[in-house]
Protein backbone atom coordinates (compact mmCIF):
# COMPACT_ATOMS: atom_id res chain seq x y z
CA UNK A 1 56.88 56.70 248.75
CA UNK A 2 59.11 54.67 246.40
CA UNK A 3 57.66 52.72 243.47
CA UNK A 4 59.78 50.02 241.79
CA UNK A 5 59.61 49.43 238.04
CA UNK A 6 61.62 47.66 235.37
CA UNK A 7 61.64 50.66 233.02
CA UNK A 8 60.80 54.32 233.56
CA UNK A 9 59.92 56.46 230.54
CA UNK A 10 60.12 60.20 231.19
CA UNK A 11 57.99 62.10 228.71
CA UNK A 12 54.87 61.04 226.78
CA UNK A 13 55.48 62.68 223.43
CA UNK A 14 55.87 60.55 220.27
CA UNK A 15 59.16 58.96 221.38
CA UNK A 16 57.97 58.09 224.89
CA UNK A 17 54.64 56.78 223.63
CA UNK A 18 56.34 54.71 220.92
CA UNK A 19 58.58 53.16 223.58
CA UNK A 20 55.62 52.40 225.86
CA UNK A 21 53.59 50.78 223.07
CA UNK A 22 56.57 48.71 221.91
CA UNK A 23 56.91 47.40 225.48
CA UNK A 24 53.21 46.56 225.87
CA UNK A 25 53.73 42.80 225.35
CA UNK A 26 57.08 42.53 227.12
CA UNK A 27 55.73 41.63 230.58
CA UNK A 28 58.05 44.29 231.98
CA UNK A 29 56.62 46.74 234.50
CA UNK A 30 56.82 50.20 232.93
CA UNK A 31 56.18 53.69 234.32
CA UNK A 32 55.27 56.41 231.81
CA UNK A 33 55.64 59.85 233.39
CA UNK A 34 54.53 63.16 231.88
CA UNK A 35 54.30 66.64 233.34
CA UNK A 36 50.97 67.34 231.56
CA UNK A 37 47.53 65.78 231.37
CA UNK A 38 46.19 64.39 228.10
CA UNK A 39 44.92 65.58 225.74
CA UNK A 40 47.44 68.41 225.69
CA UNK A 41 48.60 70.79 222.97
CA UNK A 42 52.10 70.82 221.48
CA UNK A 43 53.48 73.43 219.09
CA UNK A 44 54.05 71.56 215.84
CA UNK A 45 53.69 71.74 212.07
CA UNK A 46 51.36 68.71 212.31
CA UNK A 47 53.13 66.81 209.52
CA UNK A 48 53.58 63.04 209.65
CA UNK A 49 56.30 61.77 207.30
CA UNK A 50 56.64 58.22 205.99
CA UNK A 51 59.03 57.37 208.85
CA UNK A 52 56.30 58.26 211.35
CA UNK A 53 53.73 56.02 209.68
CA UNK A 54 56.17 53.17 209.10
CA UNK A 55 57.18 53.16 212.77
CA UNK A 56 53.54 52.97 213.87
CA UNK A 57 53.13 50.07 211.46
CA UNK A 58 56.17 48.32 212.95
CA UNK A 59 54.69 48.70 216.44
CA UNK A 60 51.26 47.42 215.39
CA UNK A 61 49.58 46.79 212.05
CA UNK A 62 46.24 47.41 213.77
CA UNK A 63 47.33 50.82 215.09
CA UNK A 64 48.57 51.72 211.62
CA UNK A 65 45.25 50.82 209.97
CA UNK A 66 43.23 52.59 212.65
CA UNK A 67 45.35 55.74 212.42
CA UNK A 68 44.85 55.98 208.65
CA UNK A 69 41.08 55.92 209.21
CA UNK A 70 41.19 58.64 211.88
CA UNK A 71 38.79 61.49 211.20
CA UNK A 72 41.52 64.12 211.60
CA UNK A 73 44.21 62.63 209.34
CA UNK A 74 44.69 63.97 205.81
CA UNK A 75 46.80 62.21 203.13
CA UNK A 76 49.37 64.35 201.31
CA UNK A 77 50.78 63.42 197.89
CA UNK A 78 52.43 66.68 196.74
CA UNK A 79 54.95 69.21 197.98
CA UNK A 80 55.00 72.71 196.49
CA UNK A 81 58.31 74.59 196.75
CA UNK A 82 58.24 78.34 196.06
CA UNK A 83 61.08 80.85 195.84
CA UNK A 84 61.64 84.19 194.10
CA UNK A 85 58.32 83.96 192.17
CA UNK A 86 59.23 80.47 190.97
CA UNK A 87 57.54 77.30 192.12
CA UNK A 88 57.75 73.58 191.52
CA UNK A 89 55.41 70.81 192.60
CA UNK A 90 56.85 67.43 193.47
CA UNK A 91 54.34 64.58 193.35
CA UNK A 92 54.78 61.27 195.15
CA UNK A 93 52.45 58.28 195.63
CA UNK A 94 52.31 59.10 199.35
CA UNK A 95 54.29 62.08 200.62
CA UNK A 96 52.87 61.76 204.12
CA UNK A 97 49.94 63.00 206.19
CA UNK A 98 48.85 65.94 208.29
CA UNK A 99 47.09 65.55 211.61
CA UNK A 100 46.75 67.89 214.60
CA UNK A 101 49.52 67.00 217.02
CA UNK A 102 47.11 67.04 219.96
CA UNK A 103 45.02 64.36 218.24
CA UNK A 104 48.02 62.27 217.15
CA UNK A 105 49.58 62.17 220.62
CA UNK A 106 46.20 61.47 222.20
CA UNK A 107 45.60 58.59 219.78
CA UNK A 108 48.85 56.96 220.91
CA UNK A 109 48.18 57.68 224.58
CA UNK A 110 44.71 56.11 224.31
CA UNK A 111 46.36 52.90 223.04
CA UNK A 112 48.75 52.91 225.99
CA UNK A 113 45.91 53.36 228.47
CA UNK A 114 43.63 50.72 226.96
CA UNK A 115 46.02 48.10 225.56
CA UNK A 116 49.26 48.27 227.57
CA UNK A 117 48.27 46.78 230.92
CA UNK A 118 51.92 46.62 232.02
CA UNK A 119 52.39 50.38 231.54
CA UNK A 120 51.42 52.62 234.47
CA UNK A 121 50.70 56.19 233.34
CA UNK A 122 51.45 59.10 235.66
CA UNK A 123 50.15 62.41 234.31
CA UNK A 124 50.67 65.83 235.92
CA UNK A 125 53.86 64.32 237.33
CA UNK A 126 56.81 66.72 237.34
CA UNK A 127 60.29 65.22 237.54
CA UNK A 128 62.51 67.23 239.89
CA UNK A 129 65.75 65.21 239.82
CA UNK A 130 67.37 61.94 238.87
CA UNK A 131 70.11 59.88 240.57
CA UNK A 132 72.15 56.83 239.61
CA UNK A 133 72.04 54.20 242.40
CA UNK A 134 73.56 50.70 242.39
CA UNK A 135 72.85 49.67 238.81
CA UNK A 136 69.52 51.49 238.80
CA UNK A 137 68.09 54.97 238.40
CA UNK A 138 66.07 56.89 240.97
CA UNK A 139 63.62 59.36 239.45
CA UNK A 140 62.37 61.97 241.89
CA UNK A 141 59.07 63.74 241.23
CA UNK A 142 56.95 66.21 243.16
CA UNK A 143 54.44 63.42 243.86
CA UNK A 144 56.75 60.51 244.67
CA UNK A 145 59.89 58.62 243.69
CA UNK A 146 60.34 55.88 241.11
CA UNK A 147 63.20 53.43 240.67
CA UNK A 148 64.19 51.13 237.79
CA UNK A 149 67.25 49.53 236.14
CA UNK A 150 66.49 51.46 232.93
CA UNK A 151 65.26 54.96 232.25
CA UNK A 152 64.29 56.16 228.77
CA UNK A 153 64.50 59.97 228.68
CA UNK A 154 62.02 61.40 226.18
CA UNK A 155 60.89 64.67 227.74
CA UNK A 156 61.84 66.98 224.91
CA UNK A 157 64.16 69.84 224.12
CA UNK A 158 66.42 71.22 226.85
CA UNK A 159 65.77 68.21 229.03
CA UNK A 160 67.69 68.75 232.26
CA UNK A 161 67.48 65.00 232.83
CA UNK A 162 69.25 64.14 229.57
CA UNK A 163 71.82 66.85 230.24
CA UNK A 164 72.55 65.47 233.69
CA UNK A 165 72.89 61.88 232.49
CA UNK A 166 74.88 62.50 229.30
CA UNK A 167 76.73 65.68 230.30
CA UNK A 168 75.91 67.17 226.89
CA UNK A 169 74.42 70.66 226.68
CA UNK A 170 73.55 71.90 223.19
CA UNK A 171 74.61 75.44 222.28
CA UNK A 172 72.74 78.13 220.38
CA UNK A 173 74.27 76.92 217.13
CA UNK A 174 72.07 73.83 217.40
CA UNK A 175 68.80 75.66 218.10
CA UNK A 176 66.01 76.69 215.77
CA UNK A 177 62.67 78.38 216.36
CA UNK A 178 59.28 77.41 215.00
CA UNK A 179 56.21 79.66 215.02
CA UNK A 180 52.74 78.47 213.99
CA UNK A 181 49.05 79.38 213.90
CA UNK A 182 45.86 77.93 212.40
CA UNK A 183 44.02 79.71 209.59
CA UNK A 184 40.78 79.20 207.72
CA UNK A 185 39.81 80.54 204.31
CA UNK A 186 43.25 80.80 202.66
CA UNK A 187 42.78 81.01 198.91
CA UNK A 188 43.97 78.32 196.46
CA UNK A 189 44.68 75.66 199.07
CA UNK A 190 45.05 72.17 197.62
CA UNK A 191 44.03 69.55 200.16
CA UNK A 192 46.71 67.07 199.08
CA UNK A 193 49.62 69.54 198.88
CA UNK A 194 51.95 70.92 201.54
CA UNK A 195 53.71 74.19 200.69
CA UNK A 196 57.19 75.48 201.53
CA UNK A 197 57.92 79.15 200.78
CA UNK A 198 61.40 80.69 200.79
CA UNK A 199 62.09 84.42 200.94
CA UNK A 200 65.45 86.18 200.50
CA UNK A 201 64.73 88.52 203.40
CA UNK A 202 64.24 85.67 205.87
CA UNK A 203 66.64 83.17 204.35
CA UNK A 204 67.54 80.39 205.17
CA UNK A 205 64.25 79.90 207.02
CA UNK A 206 61.04 78.86 205.31
CA UNK A 207 57.32 79.44 205.70
CA UNK A 208 54.98 76.47 205.49
CA UNK A 209 51.30 76.03 204.71
CA UNK A 210 50.01 72.58 205.63
CA UNK A 211 46.37 71.78 204.79
CA UNK A 212 44.34 70.05 207.48
CA UNK A 213 40.86 68.56 207.62
CA UNK A 214 37.79 70.87 207.64
CA UNK A 215 39.38 73.60 205.52
CA UNK A 216 41.93 74.53 208.20
CA UNK A 217 45.61 75.18 207.47
CA UNK A 218 48.61 75.01 209.79
CA UNK A 219 50.76 78.03 208.87
CA UNK A 220 54.14 78.80 210.34
CA UNK A 221 57.80 79.41 209.76
CA UNK A 222 61.11 78.13 211.06
CA UNK A 223 64.69 79.39 211.07
CA UNK A 224 67.96 78.56 212.79
CA UNK A 225 69.02 80.89 215.59
CA UNK A 226 72.59 80.83 214.27
CA UNK A 227 71.33 82.81 211.26
CA UNK A 228 70.11 86.33 211.97
CA UNK A 229 66.64 86.96 210.59
CA UNK A 230 66.31 90.34 208.90
CA UNK A 231 63.34 91.76 210.72
CA UNK A 232 62.61 94.44 213.27
CA UNK A 233 59.64 92.49 214.60
CA UNK A 234 59.37 89.95 217.37
CA UNK A 235 59.14 86.29 216.25
CA UNK A 236 55.33 86.11 216.50
CA UNK A 237 54.85 89.36 214.56
CA UNK A 238 57.25 88.16 211.92
CA UNK A 239 54.75 85.57 210.64
CA UNK A 240 52.35 88.26 209.43
CA UNK A 241 55.24 90.38 208.13
CA UNK A 242 56.48 87.43 206.09
CA UNK A 243 53.03 86.87 204.55
CA UNK A 244 52.57 90.58 203.77
CA UNK A 245 56.00 90.84 202.14
CA UNK A 246 55.08 88.26 199.49
CA UNK A 247 52.61 89.60 196.93
CA UNK A 248 51.15 86.21 196.06
CA UNK A 249 50.87 85.07 199.67
CA UNK A 250 49.34 88.37 200.77
CA UNK A 251 46.61 88.00 198.13
CA UNK A 252 45.86 84.43 199.21
CA UNK A 253 45.64 85.40 202.90
CA UNK A 254 43.67 88.63 202.32
CA UNK A 255 40.28 87.23 203.30
CA UNK A 256 41.50 84.43 205.56
CA UNK A 257 40.83 84.21 209.28
CA UNK A 258 43.40 83.28 211.90
CA UNK A 259 41.54 80.97 214.30
CA UNK A 260 44.25 80.42 216.92
CA UNK A 261 46.91 82.31 218.77
CA UNK A 262 50.38 82.50 217.23
CA UNK A 263 52.62 80.23 219.29
CA UNK A 264 56.27 79.29 219.14
CA UNK A 265 58.79 76.77 220.39
CA UNK A 266 62.52 76.13 220.25
CA UNK A 267 63.70 73.15 218.20
CA UNK A 268 66.89 71.13 218.85
CA UNK A 269 68.42 70.69 215.40
CA UNK A 270 70.92 67.84 215.11
CA UNK A 271 74.53 68.79 214.32
CA UNK A 272 75.79 65.20 213.97
CA UNK A 273 76.27 64.85 217.71
CA UNK A 274 74.80 61.73 219.31
CA UNK A 275 74.86 61.46 223.11
CA UNK A 276 72.07 58.96 223.57
CA UNK A 277 73.13 56.18 225.95
CA UNK A 278 75.09 55.23 229.04
CA UNK A 279 74.82 53.05 232.14
CA UNK A 280 71.11 52.43 232.79
CA UNK A 281 69.78 55.08 230.41
CA UNK A 282 68.81 55.89 226.83
CA UNK A 283 67.74 59.25 225.37
CA UNK A 284 65.15 59.52 222.59
CA UNK A 285 63.47 62.12 220.39
CA UNK A 286 63.97 65.84 220.94
CA UNK A 287 65.77 65.17 224.23
CA UNK A 288 68.51 63.67 222.03
CA UNK A 289 68.27 66.42 219.38
CA UNK A 290 67.10 63.97 216.70
CA UNK A 291 65.60 66.66 214.48
CA UNK A 292 65.90 67.15 210.72
CA UNK A 293 68.43 69.99 210.07
CA UNK A 294 66.45 71.32 207.08
CA UNK A 295 62.76 70.97 207.92
CA UNK A 296 62.97 70.96 211.72
CA UNK A 297 60.68 67.93 211.74
CA UNK A 298 61.15 65.58 214.67
CA UNK A 299 58.11 63.30 214.95
CA UNK A 300 59.42 60.55 212.64
CA UNK A 301 62.83 60.37 214.28
CA UNK A 302 61.22 60.64 217.69
CA UNK A 303 58.92 57.69 217.08
CA UNK A 304 61.71 55.59 215.59
CA UNK A 305 64.14 56.33 218.42
CA UNK A 306 61.51 55.47 221.04
CA UNK A 307 60.80 52.20 219.24
CA UNK A 308 64.51 51.34 219.05
CA UNK A 309 65.06 52.25 222.71
CA UNK A 310 62.27 49.89 223.76
CA UNK A 311 63.70 47.04 221.69
CA UNK A 312 67.09 47.61 223.33
CA UNK A 313 65.50 47.66 226.78
CA UNK A 314 63.97 44.25 226.13
CA UNK A 315 67.38 42.99 225.00
CA UNK A 316 69.00 44.37 228.15
CA UNK A 317 66.59 42.45 230.37
CA UNK A 318 67.12 39.24 228.40
CA UNK A 319 70.86 39.56 229.17
CA UNK A 320 70.42 41.18 232.60
CA UNK A 321 72.93 43.75 231.40
CA UNK A 322 72.23 47.49 231.80
CA UNK A 323 75.79 48.69 231.23
CA UNK A 324 76.88 51.51 228.96
CA UNK A 325 78.41 48.94 226.60
CA UNK A 326 75.06 47.22 226.12
CA UNK A 327 73.04 50.47 226.00
CA UNK A 328 75.33 51.85 223.30
CA UNK A 329 73.81 49.29 220.93
CA UNK A 330 70.75 51.55 220.94
CA UNK A 331 72.82 54.57 219.96
CA UNK A 332 74.46 52.56 217.20
CA UNK A 333 71.03 51.57 215.89
CA UNK A 334 69.93 55.20 215.82
CA UNK A 335 73.11 56.25 214.02
CA UNK A 336 72.72 53.45 211.48
CA UNK A 337 69.14 54.52 210.71
CA UNK A 338 69.47 58.30 210.88
CA UNK A 339 73.01 59.62 210.61
CA UNK A 340 73.34 59.41 206.81
CA UNK A 341 70.07 61.29 206.26
CA UNK A 342 70.85 63.91 208.91
CA UNK A 343 74.42 64.42 207.62
CA UNK A 344 73.21 64.91 204.04
CA UNK A 345 70.49 67.36 205.04
CA UNK A 346 72.87 69.26 207.30
CA UNK A 347 75.34 69.63 204.42
CA UNK A 348 72.61 70.77 202.02
CA UNK A 349 71.48 73.41 204.51
CA UNK A 350 75.00 74.73 204.99
CA UNK A 351 75.75 74.86 201.24
CA UNK A 352 72.50 76.66 200.40
CA UNK A 353 73.05 79.11 203.27
CA UNK A 354 76.47 80.06 201.88
CA UNK A 355 75.44 79.93 198.21
CA UNK A 356 71.73 80.81 197.92
CA UNK A 357 72.14 81.13 194.15
CA UNK A 358 71.93 77.33 194.13
CA UNK A 359 68.21 77.70 194.73
CA UNK A 360 67.82 79.58 191.43
CA UNK A 361 69.67 76.77 189.67
CA UNK A 362 67.50 74.16 191.41
CA UNK A 363 64.23 75.78 190.36
CA UNK A 364 65.50 76.14 186.79
CA UNK A 365 66.44 72.45 186.67
CA UNK A 366 63.06 71.44 188.05
CA UNK A 367 61.41 72.78 184.88
CA UNK A 368 62.58 69.60 183.17
CA UNK A 369 60.30 66.61 183.72
CA UNK A 370 63.07 64.01 183.62
CA UNK A 371 65.11 65.81 186.27
CA UNK A 372 62.05 66.32 188.46
CA UNK A 373 61.15 62.62 188.21
CA UNK A 374 64.76 61.67 188.95
CA UNK A 375 64.70 63.77 192.13
CA UNK A 376 61.45 62.13 193.26
CA UNK A 377 62.74 58.62 192.50
CA UNK A 378 65.98 59.37 194.32
CA UNK A 379 64.11 60.72 197.33
CA UNK A 380 61.71 57.79 197.61
CA UNK A 381 64.42 55.24 196.82
CA UNK A 382 66.82 56.39 199.52
CA UNK A 383 64.24 57.21 202.17
CA UNK A 384 64.74 54.96 205.16
CA UNK A 385 61.80 53.51 207.01
């Protein structure tokens, strides 16, 4: 069986869902394919940055307002940074939000299913191969084949589809690992403050504590695979080791309860390589390695790239042009919106990795109110929506 569409979106994470919702009024026939069935869990820190929220707002003011009233979303206005028994709290009018990833993705998917009548959702649909055919793309799945002039690849890290189309395979240097679990009863949690803890033994990785609704905290750590972590333990065991090795953290976790399994995932950190477009295709989100080199966060860039890919797809149909030259306009849009931020963060990560003493200087400087306010103003002033 062969089904014909105008656009095929492979993957229903934030980038694929953002693309589908952006296309909801386009009158184009869209297939949204995902290997899982919703709601489904994804390993994540559950943080939503300003770019995430601003992209939802660009897609729909109504979705934005409804999301902010969701029972599971929690506003965050502070970030606590801790290192070598020093800490500094950075306060902003709106730092971001936390929300369980399963609920966030399901919120977006529910909008696709109820308000995007031109989008046909295929869950539990596993893509087996993809072929270029006469100015179109044939997507083969275990349950049928789909064909369209445009495919938006948004099926996450190590996507064999994006590798086949672009020819780019990321190496270990570009990989990171994230491990997380949910806890209840951690002492001294502030509901409006996310925490980032650095430790010399596990440097340059960091441990996070993100408060959630109902007294739950998302706790995890991340590090780049190119940097050897000093531990004898396996990645999942290392989370508890990290907590126990810090006197203050150990005391705060002493009477807490872990209420989930410890789970992990690989993260495609961007190394200033963009291989996102070609004849009849665009690549978005983690499939294009659009992940922050410092925090490992990818939801904001994923949403934005999906949104931009959809806008470019509409432009392609208006011109009836699906060539690499036209599709590259999408890549240029992504670079214009993200490259400067990614390049700066990548450089900061590399400098701190080589000269960790800079962290001591940073925490000393943050004792001064004027410098702390300058950093906050700089951050909010240069942050791109």
